[in-house]
Protein backbone atom coordinates (compact mmCIF):
# COMPACT_ATOMS: atom_id res chain seq x y z
CA MET A 1 -13.84 21.55 14.74
CA SER A 2 -11.32 22.96 13.24
CA VAL A 3 -8.19 24.47 14.47
CA GLY A 4 -6.86 28.41 13.19
CA GLY A 5 -9.55 28.41 10.39
CA GLN A 6 -8.28 25.31 8.70
CA ALA A 7 -10.13 21.59 8.48
CA PRO A 8 -8.69 19.54 11.05
CA LEU A 9 -5.67 17.73 10.20
CA ALA A 10 -6.94 13.35 8.85
CA GLN A 11 -5.22 11.24 11.15
CA SER A 12 -2.91 9.31 9.10
CA PRO A 13 -3.59 5.74 6.88
CA PRO A 14 -3.89 2.94 9.65
CA LEU A 15 -1.24 1.21 7.04
CA ALA A 16 1.89 2.09 4.49
CA VAL A 17 3.87 0.69 2.67
CA TYR A 18 7.88 1.06 2.13
CA PRO A 19 9.71 -1.04 -0.03
CA GLY A 20 12.68 -1.89 -1.36
CA SER A 21 15.32 -4.05 -2.49
CA PHE A 22 17.45 -4.09 0.23
CA ASP A 23 20.41 -5.67 -0.72
CA PRO A 24 21.57 -4.69 1.60
CA MET A 25 19.45 -3.01 4.53
CA THR A 26 21.72 -0.45 5.47
CA ASN A 27 21.36 2.29 8.10
CA GLY A 28 19.99 4.61 5.88
CA HIS A 29 16.73 2.50 5.05
CA LEU A 30 16.63 1.07 8.77
CA ASP A 31 16.44 5.15 9.88
CA VAL A 32 13.62 5.41 7.37
CA ALA A 33 11.72 1.85 8.53
CA ARG A 34 12.32 3.99 12.00
CA ARG A 35 10.44 7.49 11.61
CA ALA A 36 7.79 5.76 8.97
CA ALA A 37 6.78 3.65 11.57
CA ARG A 38 6.69 6.88 13.92
CA THR A 39 4.38 7.90 12.00
CA PHE A 40 2.02 5.05 11.27
CA SER A 41 -0.01 2.68 13.34
CA ARG A 42 0.70 -0.09 11.53
CA LEU A 43 4.32 -0.07 8.34
CA VAL A 44 4.98 -3.43 5.86
CA VAL A 45 8.60 -2.46 5.29
CA ALA A 46 8.44 -4.77 1.68
CA VAL A 47 11.42 -6.97 0.34
CA VAL A 48 10.76 -7.09 -3.29
CA SER A 49 11.76 -10.15 -6.14
CA ASN A 50 12.96 -8.50 -8.56
CA PRO A 51 13.89 -10.50 -11.18
CA ASN A 52 16.27 -7.80 -13.33
CA LYS A 53 18.30 -7.74 -10.78
CA ARG A 54 21.41 -10.51 -9.81
CA PRO A 55 20.45 -9.51 -5.51
CA MET A 56 24.09 -10.20 -3.17
CA PHE A 57 21.21 -11.61 -1.11
CA ALA A 58 18.41 -13.89 -1.49
CA LEU A 59 15.14 -12.99 -0.75
CA ASP A 60 14.45 -15.07 2.32
CA GLU A 61 17.92 -13.84 3.73
CA ARG A 62 17.20 -9.99 3.16
CA VAL A 63 14.17 -10.35 5.06
CA GLU A 64 15.06 -12.51 7.51
CA MET A 65 17.85 -9.31 8.32
CA LEU A 66 15.36 -6.91 8.57
CA ARG A 67 13.40 -8.60 10.41
CA ASP A 68 16.60 -8.89 12.93
CA ALA A 69 17.02 -5.02 12.46
CA CYS A 70 13.32 -3.79 13.00
CA ALA A 71 13.00 -6.05 15.56
CA ASP A 72 12.25 -3.70 18.30
CA LEU A 73 9.31 -1.56 16.30
CA PRO A 74 6.25 -3.46 17.31
CA ASN A 75 4.06 -2.22 13.83
CA VAL A 76 6.33 -3.18 11.74
CA GLU A 77 6.17 -6.06 9.93
CA VAL A 78 8.53 -7.82 7.68
CA ASP A 79 7.26 -8.95 3.87
CA SER A 80 8.70 -10.03 0.54
CA PHE A 81 6.47 -9.49 -2.78
CA ASP A 82 6.96 -9.87 -6.42
CA GLY A 83 5.07 -8.46 -9.11
CA LEU A 84 3.63 -4.76 -9.23
CA LEU A 85 4.02 -2.87 -6.07
CA VAL A 86 0.41 -1.27 -6.45
CA ASP A 87 -0.99 -4.95 -5.79
CA TYR A 88 1.06 -5.82 -3.61
CA VAL A 89 -0.19 -2.44 -2.05
CA ARG A 90 -3.23 -3.07 -2.36
CA ARG A 91 -3.67 -6.98 -1.85
CA ARG A 92 -2.58 -5.62 1.97
CA GLY A 93 -4.94 -2.61 1.98
CA ALA A 94 -3.16 0.21 2.32
CA THR A 95 -3.25 4.00 0.60
CA LEU A 96 0.17 4.50 1.61
CA ILE A 97 3.77 4.12 -0.20
CA VAL A 98 6.38 5.08 1.77
CA LYS A 99 10.21 5.93 0.03
CA GLY A 100 13.02 7.61 1.67
CA LEU A 101 15.08 9.97 -0.02
CA ARG A 102 18.97 10.81 -0.26
CA ILE A 103 20.47 13.02 -2.62
CA VAL A 104 18.52 15.03 -5.13
CA ALA A 105 19.26 12.37 -8.12
CA ASP A 106 16.98 10.34 -6.15
CA PHE A 107 14.02 12.17 -6.74
CA GLU A 108 13.57 11.68 -10.22
CA GLY A 109 12.53 8.35 -10.24
CA GLU A 110 11.16 8.30 -7.25
CA PHE A 111 8.90 10.76 -8.57
CA THR A 112 7.92 9.11 -11.67
CA MET A 113 7.62 6.20 -10.29
CA ALA A 114 5.07 7.44 -7.61
CA LEU A 115 3.50 9.27 -10.69
CA LEU A 116 2.43 5.59 -12.54
CA ASN A 117 1.93 3.49 -9.03
CA ARG A 118 -0.65 6.32 -8.85
CA LYS A 119 -2.03 6.43 -12.45
CA LEU A 120 -2.07 2.42 -11.84
CA ALA A 121 -3.97 3.11 -8.67
CA GLY A 122 -5.60 6.20 -8.36
CA HIS A 123 -6.06 5.00 -4.60
CA VAL A 124 -2.04 5.36 -3.79
CA ASP A 125 -0.54 7.75 -2.37
CA THR A 126 3.26 8.18 -2.11
CA MET A 127 5.20 9.82 0.53
CA PHE A 128 8.56 10.73 0.68
CA LEU A 129 11.09 10.78 3.58
CA PRO A 130 14.41 13.02 3.16
CA ALA A 131 17.94 10.99 4.74
CA SER A 132 18.96 11.62 7.79
CA VAL A 133 22.09 13.96 7.07
CA GLU A 134 24.08 10.92 9.01
CA TYR A 135 23.13 8.65 6.29
CA ALA A 136 22.27 10.72 2.72
CA TYR A 137 25.86 9.23 1.26
CA VAL A 138 24.90 5.93 2.10
CA SER A 139 23.69 3.39 -0.34
CA SER A 140 23.59 -0.26 -0.86
CA SER A 141 25.51 0.04 -3.64
CA SER A 142 28.22 1.37 -1.82
CA VAL A 143 28.11 -1.16 0.86
CA ARG A 144 28.51 -3.43 -1.61
CA GLU A 145 31.28 -1.63 -3.18
CA ILE A 146 33.06 -1.25 -0.44
CA PHE A 147 32.75 -4.18 1.04
CA ALA A 148 33.49 -5.86 -2.45
CA LEU A 149 37.54 -3.75 -2.07
CA GLY A 150 37.56 -5.14 1.24
CA GLY A 151 36.32 -2.34 3.58
CA ASP A 152 35.50 -1.44 6.91
CA ILE A 153 30.75 -1.42 6.37
CA SER A 154 30.15 -1.68 10.47
CA GLU A 155 29.02 2.23 10.35
CA PHE A 156 26.68 1.37 7.45
CA VAL A 157 24.23 -1.77 8.08
CA PRO A 158 22.62 -2.93 11.42
CA PRO A 159 23.99 -5.09 12.74
CA SER A 160 22.34 -8.37 11.76
CA VAL A 161 23.64 -7.22 8.17
CA LEU A 162 26.81 -6.73 8.71
CA ARG A 163 27.15 -10.40 10.21
CA ALA A 164 25.75 -11.60 7.21
CA MET A 165 28.51 -10.33 5.10
CA ALA A 166 31.15 -11.55 7.36
CA ARG A 167 29.93 -15.17 6.36
CA LEU A 168 29.44 -14.21 2.96
CA ARG A 169 32.92 -12.94 2.75
CA GLY A 170 33.81 -16.35 4.35
CA LYS A 171 32.40 -17.85 1.40
CA VAL A 172 34.01 -15.52 -0.84
CA SER A 173 37.54 -15.98 1.10
């Protein structure tokens, strides 16, 4: 049945993948995960192991922090992967990648990656979710810098990340 002369809306894909390095996860990342979880039946928050980066936290630590932060989202699974994102998406049986955008500058790089992923795996689309206003200025790199300079990051990260960073600060001091 059509609505207003238009074809009915398609149902959302049963599984979407929200990838990132999440080093560390911010409240902005968590906001995107929460909003995506309301949109899709199942959401996998997938932590990428990028051998070209020197992360602040090991892969398993990032996964655990994300699991703790997403514990109240029953349709969210936290996983990790290495290699090409489209290969991971294929293995999971997903057809949609969710990406959060904070500022206009994020769009150029993410759009390029979305086109590249579409070329590599034609069945995979990317959906962009704009950051909520209160998180648009928060990035993992800014959190790491504030932390390194001794600043308070408590309003920028979930409690599990704050605890992990406090432990890290104890090792550094």
